[in-house]
Amino acid sequence: MYVKIISLFFGILIFFGTMCYIAACQQNKRLSRDVNVPIISVFKESQMSGSFILGCGGFSNEMYYFVYIKKPNNSLIFKKFKAGWVEIYEDSDSPHIICDTWNGDIHYNGSRKIEIHVPPNTITREFKL
C-alpha cells in the first residue's frame, strides 16, 4: 500500500518537474525570422561519404557551401550548408546571409532557403571539363 502511494507521489513529482523544465527551456529559445548575418567568405565543395556494414553499403556525394560567419563579438564561426538549402544573390556590397535563427544560431527547417548575398561579379562562372 505504502509503495503504491510513494510511487504515485514520485511519478507526479517527476511529471511536474519535467513540465517545468520544458517550459523553462522553451522560454530561452527564440525563433527569429529573416535575420541578416554578416559573412566573411563562402566556398563550395563536394563531400563524399559512405558506410559499409557486413560487406553492404554505399557512397553519397553531396555539394555543400561553407561560410565563415562574423559574430557580434567579432569572432568567426565555420558553418556548412547543403547546396539544396541555399540560394545565392549577387546584389549586395556587404556579404551576408538572410536566414532564420533559433536562439542565436542559424536554423534550417526545410521550409525556407538560406539566402547568401554577395557583391556582383564575385561568383566564378568558368567551367573546365
N, C-alpha and C. Protein backbone atom coordinates (compact mmCIF):
# COMPACT_ATOMS: atom_id res chain seq x y z
N MET A 1 0.82 -1.20 0.00
CA MET A 1 0.00 0.00 0.00
C MET A 1 0.87 1.26 0.00
N TYR A 2 1.84 1.29 0.94
CA TYR A 2 2.70 2.47 1.02
C TYR A 2 3.58 2.60 -0.23
N VAL A 3 3.96 1.48 -0.81
CA VAL A 3 4.79 1.51 -2.01
C VAL A 3 4.03 2.16 -3.17
N LYS A 4 2.74 1.86 -3.31
CA LYS A 4 1.93 2.45 -4.36
C LYS A 4 1.78 3.95 -4.17
N ILE A 5 1.56 4.38 -2.95
CA ILE A 5 1.41 5.81 -2.66
C ILE A 5 2.72 6.55 -2.93
N ILE A 6 3.83 5.98 -2.50
CA ILE A 6 5.13 6.61 -2.72
C ILE A 6 5.45 6.64 -4.21
N SER A 7 5.15 5.56 -4.92
CA SER A 7 5.39 5.52 -6.36
C SER A 7 4.55 6.56 -7.09
N LEU A 8 3.29 6.69 -6.70
CA LEU A 8 2.42 7.69 -7.29
C LEU A 8 2.94 9.10 -7.01
N PHE A 9 3.36 9.35 -5.78
CA PHE A 9 3.90 10.66 -5.40
C PHE A 9 5.12 11.01 -6.25
N PHE A 10 6.07 10.08 -6.39
CA PHE A 10 7.26 10.35 -7.18
C PHE A 10 6.94 10.48 -8.67
N GLY A 11 5.98 9.71 -9.16
CA GLY A 11 5.56 9.84 -10.55
C GLY A 11 5.01 11.22 -10.84
N ILE A 12 4.14 11.73 -9.95
CA ILE A 12 3.59 13.08 -10.11
C ILE A 12 4.69 14.13 -10.00
N LEU A 13 5.60 13.93 -9.07
CA LEU A 13 6.71 14.87 -8.89
C LEU A 13 7.60 14.92 -10.14
N ILE A 14 7.92 13.77 -10.70
CA ILE A 14 8.74 13.73 -11.92
C ILE A 14 8.00 14.36 -13.09
N PHE A 15 6.71 14.10 -13.22
CA PHE A 15 5.92 14.68 -14.31
C PHE A 15 5.93 16.20 -14.26
N PHE A 16 5.60 16.77 -13.09
CA PHE A 16 5.57 18.23 -12.98
C PHE A 16 6.96 18.84 -13.09
N GLY A 17 7.97 18.16 -12.59
CA GLY A 17 9.34 18.65 -12.74
C GLY A 17 9.75 18.70 -14.20
N THR A 18 9.39 17.68 -14.96
CA THR A 18 9.69 17.65 -16.38
C THR A 18 8.96 18.76 -17.13
N MET A 19 7.69 18.98 -16.81
CA MET A 19 6.93 20.04 -17.46
C MET A 19 7.53 21.42 -17.17
N CYS A 20 7.95 21.66 -15.94
CA CYS A 20 8.57 22.94 -15.59
C CYS A 20 9.90 23.12 -16.32
N TYR A 21 10.68 22.06 -16.44
CA TYR A 21 11.95 22.12 -17.14
C TYR A 21 11.73 22.45 -18.62
N ILE A 22 10.78 21.79 -19.25
CA ILE A 22 10.49 22.04 -20.66
C ILE A 22 10.02 23.48 -20.87
N ALA A 23 9.16 23.96 -19.99
CA ALA A 23 8.67 25.35 -20.12
C ALA A 23 9.82 26.34 -19.97
N ALA A 24 10.74 26.09 -19.03
CA ALA A 24 11.88 26.99 -18.83
C ALA A 24 12.80 26.98 -20.05
N CYS A 25 13.02 25.81 -20.64
CA CYS A 25 13.88 25.71 -21.84
C CYS A 25 13.25 26.44 -23.01
N GLN A 26 11.94 26.33 -23.19
CA GLN A 26 11.27 26.97 -24.31
C GLN A 26 11.32 28.49 -24.20
N GLN A 27 11.34 29.03 -22.97
CA GLN A 27 11.41 30.48 -22.81
C GLN A 27 12.76 31.01 -23.26
N ASN A 28 13.82 30.21 -23.12
CA ASN A 28 15.15 30.66 -23.50
C ASN A 28 15.38 30.60 -25.01
N LYS A 29 14.62 29.81 -25.71
CA LYS A 29 14.81 29.65 -27.15
C LYS A 29 13.86 30.57 -27.90
N ARG A 30 14.41 31.28 -28.85
CA ARG A 30 13.62 32.22 -29.63
C ARG A 30 13.88 31.99 -31.11
N LEU A 31 12.83 31.91 -31.91
CA LEU A 31 12.96 31.80 -33.36
C LEU A 31 12.83 33.21 -33.93
N SER A 32 13.85 33.62 -34.65
CA SER A 32 13.84 34.92 -35.32
C SER A 32 13.87 34.68 -36.81
N ARG A 33 13.03 35.38 -37.54
CA ARG A 33 12.94 35.21 -38.99
C ARG A 33 13.69 36.32 -39.71
N ASP A 34 14.24 35.97 -40.88
CA ASP A 34 14.91 36.92 -41.78
C ASP A 34 16.00 37.73 -41.08
N VAL A 35 16.88 37.06 -40.40
CA VAL A 35 17.99 37.72 -39.71
C VAL A 35 19.13 37.92 -40.71
N ASN A 36 19.73 39.12 -40.70
CA ASN A 36 20.86 39.46 -41.55
C ASN A 36 22.14 39.12 -40.79
N VAL A 37 22.85 38.08 -41.24
CA VAL A 37 24.06 37.60 -40.56
C VAL A 37 25.27 37.90 -41.46
N PRO A 38 26.22 38.75 -41.01
CA PRO A 38 27.39 39.06 -41.85
C PRO A 38 28.29 37.83 -42.03
N ILE A 39 28.85 37.68 -43.23
CA ILE A 39 29.78 36.58 -43.50
C ILE A 39 31.09 37.14 -44.02
N ILE A 40 32.14 36.36 -43.89
CA ILE A 40 33.47 36.77 -44.34
C ILE A 40 33.83 36.11 -45.66
N SER A 41 33.54 34.81 -45.80
CA SER A 41 33.87 34.11 -47.04
C SER A 41 32.89 32.98 -47.30
N VAL A 42 32.81 32.58 -48.57
CA VAL A 42 31.95 31.48 -49.00
C VAL A 42 32.73 30.64 -49.99
N PHE A 43 32.63 29.34 -49.88
CA PHE A 43 33.15 28.48 -50.94
C PHE A 43 32.31 27.22 -51.04
N LYS A 44 32.37 26.60 -52.21
CA LYS A 44 31.55 25.43 -52.50
C LYS A 44 32.46 24.23 -52.70
N GLU A 45 32.04 23.09 -52.18
CA GLU A 45 32.84 21.89 -52.31
C GLU A 45 31.94 20.67 -52.18
N SER A 46 32.33 19.58 -52.79
CA SER A 46 31.56 18.36 -52.63
C SER A 46 32.22 17.49 -51.56
N GLN A 47 31.42 16.74 -50.86
CA GLN A 47 31.92 15.83 -49.84
C GLN A 47 31.40 14.44 -50.14
N MET A 48 32.29 13.49 -50.06
CA MET A 48 31.90 12.11 -50.28
C MET A 48 31.82 11.42 -48.93
N SER A 49 30.77 10.64 -48.76
CA SER A 49 30.64 9.87 -47.53
C SER A 49 30.11 8.50 -47.88
N GLY A 50 30.31 7.57 -47.00
CA GLY A 50 29.84 6.22 -47.25
C GLY A 50 29.80 5.42 -45.97
N SER A 51 29.11 4.32 -46.04
CA SER A 51 29.05 3.42 -44.89
C SER A 51 28.93 2.00 -45.37
N PHE A 52 29.57 1.12 -44.67
CA PHE A 52 29.53 -0.30 -45.01
C PHE A 52 29.32 -1.12 -43.74
N ILE A 53 28.43 -2.06 -43.82
CA ILE A 53 28.18 -2.99 -42.72
C ILE A 53 28.10 -4.39 -43.31
N LEU A 54 28.97 -5.27 -42.86
CA LEU A 54 28.98 -6.65 -43.32
C LEU A 54 29.04 -6.76 -44.85
N GLY A 55 29.87 -5.96 -45.46
CA GLY A 55 30.06 -6.04 -46.90
C GLY A 55 29.03 -5.31 -47.74
N CYS A 56 28.01 -4.72 -47.15
CA CYS A 56 26.98 -3.98 -47.88
C CYS A 56 27.05 -2.51 -47.50
N GLY A 57 26.72 -1.64 -48.42
CA GLY A 57 26.72 -0.22 -48.11
C GLY A 57 26.66 0.61 -49.37
N GLY A 58 27.07 1.86 -49.23
CA GLY A 58 27.03 2.74 -50.38
C GLY A 58 27.76 4.03 -50.12
N PHE A 59 27.88 4.81 -51.19
CA PHE A 59 28.52 6.12 -51.14
C PHE A 59 27.51 7.19 -51.53
N SER A 60 27.73 8.38 -51.02
CA SER A 60 26.96 9.53 -51.49
C SER A 60 27.91 10.70 -51.68
N ASN A 61 27.61 11.53 -52.63
CA ASN A 61 28.43 12.69 -52.93
C ASN A 61 27.50 13.90 -52.96
N GLU A 62 27.62 14.78 -51.98
CA GLU A 62 26.74 15.95 -51.89
C GLU A 62 27.56 17.22 -51.98
N MET A 63 26.94 18.27 -52.54
CA MET A 63 27.56 19.57 -52.66
C MET A 63 27.19 20.41 -51.45
N TYR A 64 28.17 21.15 -50.91
CA TYR A 64 27.96 21.99 -49.74
C TYR A 64 28.52 23.38 -49.99
N TYR A 65 27.94 24.37 -49.34
CA TYR A 65 28.51 25.71 -49.25
C TYR A 65 29.05 25.87 -47.84
N PHE A 66 30.29 26.34 -47.75
CA PHE A 66 30.93 26.58 -46.47
C PHE A 66 31.09 28.08 -46.30
N VAL A 67 30.79 28.60 -45.13
CA VAL A 67 30.90 30.04 -44.88
C VAL A 67 31.55 30.29 -43.52
N TYR A 68 32.24 31.41 -43.44
CA TYR A 68 32.69 31.93 -42.15
C TYR A 68 31.73 33.05 -41.78
N ILE A 69 31.13 32.95 -40.63
CA ILE A 69 30.15 33.93 -40.16
C ILE A 69 30.79 34.79 -39.08
N LYS A 70 30.55 36.09 -39.19
CA LYS A 70 31.10 37.02 -38.19
C LYS A 70 30.06 37.24 -37.10
N LYS A 71 30.43 36.89 -35.87
CA LYS A 71 29.55 37.04 -34.71
C LYS A 71 29.62 38.48 -34.19
N PRO A 72 28.65 38.90 -33.36
CA PRO A 72 28.67 40.27 -32.82
C PRO A 72 29.93 40.61 -32.02
N ASN A 73 30.58 39.59 -31.43
CA ASN A 73 31.80 39.87 -30.66
C ASN A 73 33.05 39.80 -31.55
N ASN A 74 32.86 39.84 -32.88
CA ASN A 74 33.91 39.82 -33.91
C ASN A 74 34.64 38.49 -34.03
N SER A 75 34.14 37.44 -33.41
CA SER A 75 34.73 36.12 -33.62
C SER A 75 34.13 35.52 -34.89
N LEU A 76 34.78 34.52 -35.45
CA LEU A 76 34.33 33.86 -36.67
C LEU A 76 33.96 32.42 -36.35
N ILE A 77 32.86 31.96 -36.94
CA ILE A 77 32.49 30.56 -36.82
C ILE A 77 32.31 29.98 -38.21
N PHE A 78 32.55 28.71 -38.34
CA PHE A 78 32.51 27.99 -39.61
C PHE A 78 31.20 27.22 -39.70
N LYS A 79 30.46 27.41 -40.80
CA LYS A 79 29.18 26.71 -40.99
C LYS A 79 29.18 26.02 -42.35
N LYS A 80 28.40 24.95 -42.43
CA LYS A 80 28.26 24.17 -43.66
C LYS A 80 26.79 24.02 -43.97
N PHE A 81 26.41 24.32 -45.23
CA PHE A 81 25.02 24.20 -45.67
C PHE A 81 24.96 23.31 -46.91
N LYS A 82 24.00 22.41 -46.96
CA LYS A 82 23.80 21.64 -48.18
C LYS A 82 23.41 22.60 -49.31
N ALA A 83 23.90 22.32 -50.51
CA ALA A 83 23.64 23.21 -51.65
C ALA A 83 22.15 23.35 -51.92
N GLY A 84 21.37 22.35 -51.66
CA GLY A 84 19.93 22.43 -51.88
C GLY A 84 19.22 23.36 -50.92
N TRP A 85 19.86 23.74 -49.83
CA TRP A 85 19.27 24.66 -48.86
C TRP A 85 19.50 26.12 -49.23
N VAL A 86 20.37 26.39 -50.21
CA VAL A 86 20.93 27.72 -50.43
C VAL A 86 20.45 28.33 -51.74
N GLU A 87 20.20 29.63 -51.70
CA GLU A 87 20.02 30.46 -52.89
C GLU A 87 21.04 31.59 -52.81
N ILE A 88 21.75 31.85 -53.90
CA ILE A 88 22.78 32.89 -53.90
C ILE A 88 22.31 34.07 -54.75
N TYR A 89 22.50 35.27 -54.22
CA TYR A 89 22.14 36.51 -54.91
C TYR A 89 23.39 37.38 -55.01
N GLU A 90 23.65 37.92 -56.22
CA GLU A 90 24.75 38.86 -56.41
C GLU A 90 24.18 40.27 -56.41
N ASP A 91 23.85 40.77 -55.24
CA ASP A 91 23.15 42.05 -55.16
C ASP A 91 23.53 42.92 -53.96
N SER A 92 24.63 42.63 -53.31
CA SER A 92 24.93 43.35 -52.08
C SER A 92 26.40 43.77 -52.04
N ASP A 93 26.67 44.95 -51.49
CA ASP A 93 28.06 45.38 -51.32
C ASP A 93 28.70 44.73 -50.10
N SER A 94 27.89 44.33 -49.13
CA SER A 94 28.43 43.66 -47.94
C SER A 94 27.88 42.23 -47.89
N PRO A 95 28.75 41.22 -47.96
CA PRO A 95 28.29 39.84 -47.97
C PRO A 95 27.56 39.48 -46.68
N HIS A 96 26.44 38.81 -46.83
CA HIS A 96 25.66 38.41 -45.65
C HIS A 96 24.73 37.26 -46.01
N ILE A 97 24.18 36.67 -44.97
CA ILE A 97 23.19 35.61 -45.11
C ILE A 97 21.88 36.14 -44.54
N ILE A 98 20.78 35.80 -45.18
CA ILE A 98 19.46 36.06 -44.60
C ILE A 98 18.86 34.70 -44.30
N CYS A 99 18.59 34.47 -43.03
CA CYS A 99 18.12 33.15 -42.61
C CYS A 99 17.32 33.28 -41.32
N ASP A 100 16.80 32.17 -40.88
CA ASP A 100 16.14 32.12 -39.58
C ASP A 100 17.17 31.71 -38.53
N THR A 101 17.03 32.25 -37.33
CA THR A 101 17.90 31.83 -36.24
C THR A 101 17.05 31.31 -35.10
N TRP A 102 17.58 30.33 -34.42
CA TRP A 102 16.92 29.74 -33.25
C TRP A 102 17.88 29.91 -32.09
N ASN A 103 17.51 30.78 -31.17
CA ASN A 103 18.34 31.07 -30.01
C ASN A 103 19.73 31.56 -30.43
N GLY A 104 19.77 32.35 -31.52
CA GLY A 104 21.02 32.94 -31.97
C GLY A 104 21.83 32.12 -32.94
N ASP A 105 21.44 30.87 -33.19
CA ASP A 105 22.17 30.01 -34.13
C ASP A 105 21.35 29.84 -35.40
N ILE A 106 22.02 29.67 -36.53
CA ILE A 106 21.32 29.52 -37.81
C ILE A 106 20.46 28.27 -37.78
N HIS A 107 19.23 28.43 -38.23
CA HIS A 107 18.23 27.36 -38.15
C HIS A 107 17.71 27.07 -39.55
N TYR A 108 17.69 25.79 -39.92
CA TYR A 108 17.11 25.39 -41.20
C TYR A 108 16.06 24.32 -40.94
N ASN A 109 14.83 24.59 -41.33
CA ASN A 109 13.76 23.62 -41.09
C ASN A 109 13.19 23.03 -42.37
N GLY A 110 13.75 23.37 -43.51
CA GLY A 110 13.29 22.79 -44.77
C GLY A 110 12.23 23.59 -45.49
N SER A 111 11.61 24.54 -44.83
CA SER A 111 10.53 25.29 -45.48
C SER A 111 11.03 26.53 -46.22
N ARG A 112 12.19 27.04 -45.86
CA ARG A 112 12.72 28.25 -46.49
C ARG A 112 14.19 28.05 -46.83
N LYS A 113 14.63 28.68 -47.90
CA LYS A 113 16.04 28.61 -48.29
C LYS A 113 16.86 29.58 -47.46
N ILE A 114 18.14 29.29 -47.34
CA ILE A 114 19.09 30.22 -46.75
C ILE A 114 19.61 31.09 -47.89
N GLU A 115 19.45 32.39 -47.78
CA GLU A 115 19.88 33.32 -48.83
C GLU A 115 21.29 33.81 -48.54
N ILE A 116 22.19 33.61 -49.51
CA ILE A 116 23.54 34.16 -49.40
C ILE A 116 23.63 35.32 -50.38
N HIS A 117 23.90 36.52 -49.88
CA HIS A 117 24.00 37.72 -50.70
C HIS A 117 25.47 38.12 -50.77
N VAL A 118 25.98 38.26 -52.00
CA VAL A 118 27.38 38.61 -52.23
C VAL A 118 27.44 39.78 -53.21
N PRO A 119 28.60 40.46 -53.29
CA PRO A 119 28.74 41.56 -54.26
C PRO A 119 28.65 41.04 -55.70
N PRO A 120 28.23 41.90 -56.63
CA PRO A 120 28.14 41.50 -58.05
C PRO A 120 29.50 41.03 -58.58
N ASN A 121 29.45 40.07 -59.49
CA ASN A 121 30.63 39.53 -60.18
C ASN A 121 31.61 38.80 -59.26
N THR A 122 31.15 38.27 -58.16
CA THR A 122 32.05 37.51 -57.28
C THR A 122 31.96 36.02 -57.51
N ILE A 123 30.95 35.56 -58.22
CA ILE A 123 30.80 34.13 -58.47
C ILE A 123 31.59 33.78 -59.73
N THR A 124 32.45 32.79 -59.63
CA THR A 124 33.24 32.33 -60.77
C THR A 124 32.36 31.49 -61.67
N ARG A 125 32.34 31.86 -62.93
CA ARG A 125 31.48 31.15 -63.88
C ARG A 125 32.31 30.39 -64.92
N GLU A 126 33.55 30.10 -64.61
CA GLU A 126 34.41 29.38 -65.53
C GLU A 126 34.35 27.90 -65.21
N PHE A 127 34.05 27.12 -66.23
CA PHE A 127 33.94 25.68 -66.05
C PHE A 127 34.97 24.98 -66.92
N LYS A 128 35.67 24.01 -66.38
CA LYS A 128 36.63 23.22 -67.14
C LYS A 128 36.17 21.77 -67.12
N LEU A 129 36.13 21.17 -68.28
CA LEU A 129 35.72 19.77 -68.37
C LEU A 129 36.90 18.88 -68.65
